[in-house]
Protein backbone atom coordinates (compact mmCIF):
# COMPACT_ATOMS: atom_id res chain seq x y z
CA MET A 1 171.07 72.79 123.87
CA ASN A 2 172.46 69.31 124.96
CA GLY A 3 171.52 65.92 123.92
CA ARG A 4 169.88 64.59 126.75
CA SER A 5 167.38 67.68 126.85
CA GLU A 6 166.67 67.23 123.06
CA TRP A 7 165.63 63.54 123.79
CA ALA A 8 163.41 64.78 126.70
CA GLU A 9 161.95 67.37 124.56
CA LEU A 10 161.42 64.76 121.67
CA PHE A 11 159.68 62.24 124.18
CA PHE A 12 157.97 64.33 126.89
CA SER A 13 156.76 67.42 125.24
CA SER A 14 154.02 67.85 122.83
CA ASN A 15 154.62 71.44 121.80
CA GLY A 16 156.26 72.48 118.37
CA ARG A 17 156.63 70.40 115.43
CA LEU A 18 158.43 67.41 114.37
CA SER A 19 159.69 66.25 110.73
CA ARG A 20 159.22 63.25 109.21
CA THR A 21 162.85 61.46 110.03
CA PRO A 22 162.97 62.53 113.41
CA PHE A 23 159.54 61.21 113.85
CA LEU A 24 159.98 57.79 112.07
CA ILE A 25 163.00 57.30 114.45
CA ALA A 26 161.17 58.06 117.48
CA ALA A 27 158.07 55.90 116.51
CA ALA A 28 160.76 53.00 115.75
CA VAL A 29 162.04 53.58 119.04
CA LEU A 30 158.86 53.40 120.98
CA ILE A 31 157.62 50.31 118.69
CA GLY A 32 160.79 48.67 119.31
CA PHE A 33 160.85 49.24 123.40
CA GLY A 34 157.00 48.05 123.66
CA VAL A 35 158.04 44.88 121.73
CA LEU A 36 160.82 44.02 123.65
CA TYR A 37 159.32 44.72 126.86
CA ASP A 38 156.78 42.44 125.66
CA ALA A 39 159.05 39.92 124.78
CA VAL A 40 161.25 40.14 127.93
CA ALA A 41 158.89 40.72 130.70
CA ARG A 42 156.56 37.67 131.48
CA GLY A 43 154.05 36.65 134.24
CA PRO A 44 154.30 38.63 137.64
CA LEU A 45 157.20 40.64 136.35
CA HIS A 46 155.02 41.83 133.42
CA LEU A 47 152.04 42.30 135.58
CA LEU A 48 154.05 44.74 138.31
CA THR A 49 156.35 46.64 135.78
CA GLY A 50 153.22 47.21 133.43
CA TRP A 51 151.86 49.70 135.42
CA PHE A 52 154.92 51.73 134.93
CA VAL A 53 156.08 51.21 131.57
CA TYR A 54 152.83 51.38 129.51
CA PRO A 55 151.74 54.68 131.08
CA VAL A 56 155.36 56.13 129.91
CA LEU A 57 154.99 54.72 126.35
CA LEU A 58 151.35 55.82 126.21
CA PHE A 59 152.56 59.45 127.15
CA SER A 60 155.60 59.44 125.00
CA GLY A 61 153.98 58.28 122.01
CA THR A 62 151.20 60.81 122.36
CA CYS A 63 153.81 63.49 122.42
CA VAL A 64 155.60 62.21 119.31
CA LEU A 65 152.27 61.76 117.50
CA SER A 66 151.27 65.41 118.19
CA LYS A 67 154.20 67.21 117.35
CA ARG A 68 154.11 65.17 113.89
CA LEU A 69 150.49 66.13 113.60
CA HIS A 70 151.37 69.79 114.20
CA ASP A 71 153.84 69.59 111.32
CA ARG A 72 150.98 68.33 108.98
CA GLY A 73 148.75 71.34 110.22
CA ARG A 74 146.45 69.00 112.39
CA SER A 75 145.60 69.35 115.93
CA GLY A 76 147.43 67.03 118.49
CA TRP A 77 144.09 65.70 119.76
CA TRP A 78 144.03 63.44 116.54
CA ALA A 79 146.70 61.49 118.38
CA MET A 80 144.33 60.25 120.79
CA LEU A 81 142.59 58.54 118.03
CA LEU A 82 145.65 56.70 116.78
CA ILE A 83 146.53 55.81 120.25
CA ILE A 84 143.36 54.19 120.84
CA ALA A 85 143.80 52.48 117.69
CA ILE A 86 147.05 51.10 118.21
CA VAL A 87 146.10 50.07 121.62
CA ALA A 88 143.13 48.05 120.30
CA VAL A 89 144.84 45.94 117.67
CA TRP A 90 147.99 45.32 119.85
CA PRO A 91 149.66 43.02 119.32
CA GLN A 92 147.71 41.49 116.50
CA PRO A 93 143.84 42.41 115.27
CA GLU A 94 141.36 39.54 116.08
CA HIS A 95 137.83 41.25 115.73
CA PHE A 96 135.95 43.10 112.95
CA LEU A 97 136.48 46.50 114.82
CA ASP A 98 139.89 45.93 114.69
CA PHE A 99 139.82 45.91 111.02
CA VAL A 100 138.40 49.61 111.24
CA PHE A 101 141.14 50.64 113.75
CA SER A 102 143.78 49.06 111.33
CA ILE A 103 142.46 51.69 108.41
CA VAL A 104 143.05 54.30 111.00
CA ILE A 105 146.48 53.14 111.57
CA LEU A 106 147.04 52.95 107.76
CA TRP A 107 145.72 56.38 107.12
CA ALA A 108 148.31 57.47 109.97
CA MET A 109 151.30 55.64 108.32
CA VAL A 110 150.53 57.66 105.15
CA GLU A 111 149.63 60.96 106.71
CA LEU A 112 152.48 61.04 109.13
CA GLY A 113 155.31 58.50 107.74
CA VAL A 114 155.04 59.39 103.92
CA MET A 115 153.70 62.82 103.36
CA GLY A 116 155.66 65.84 104.17
CA GLY A 117 155.02 68.69 106.57
CA GLU A 118 153.40 71.92 105.80
CA GLN A 119 155.98 74.47 104.07
CA GLY A 120 156.59 77.44 106.22
CA ALA A 121 155.40 78.07 109.83
CA ASN A 122 152.16 77.52 110.82
CA ARG A 123 150.18 77.98 113.92
CA TYR A 124 152.16 75.28 115.88
CA GLY A 125 155.49 76.71 115.06
CA ALA A 126 158.09 77.15 112.39
CA ASN A 127 158.97 74.59 109.90
CA PRO A 128 161.49 72.11 111.69
CA LEU A 129 163.43 71.52 108.40
CA LYS A 130 164.28 75.29 107.79
CA ALA A 131 167.44 76.44 109.14
CA ILE A 132 167.45 79.17 111.82
CA SER A 133 169.38 81.98 110.92
CA ILE A 134 170.62 84.57 113.57
């Protein structure tokens, strides 16, 4: 498998499991790209290109979140709650309901960024940290 297909698999497939370190790197890449895009694209350019950029970011973010949730033994559908929370508080929380969404994001940061994955294989696949022996 070459590097290009591994990146495509990471950002555009929700199947399998993803360990903590690749998840944190992928999340940093997606958030960094979103912040950079918001800083660079202004006015009409942002309005026109946002229809292409944001759906790709949302899809990629959902795929990465789903794989990490699979590693924790949870359904990938929990990613929907996390995406809704992130969209609701982006770029900064302003209302009371945003406080609730911020708690969901805090839970996700601990659950996905700090805690390790399930040991051994689970219903979503083999442990990504175990070396495959042939």
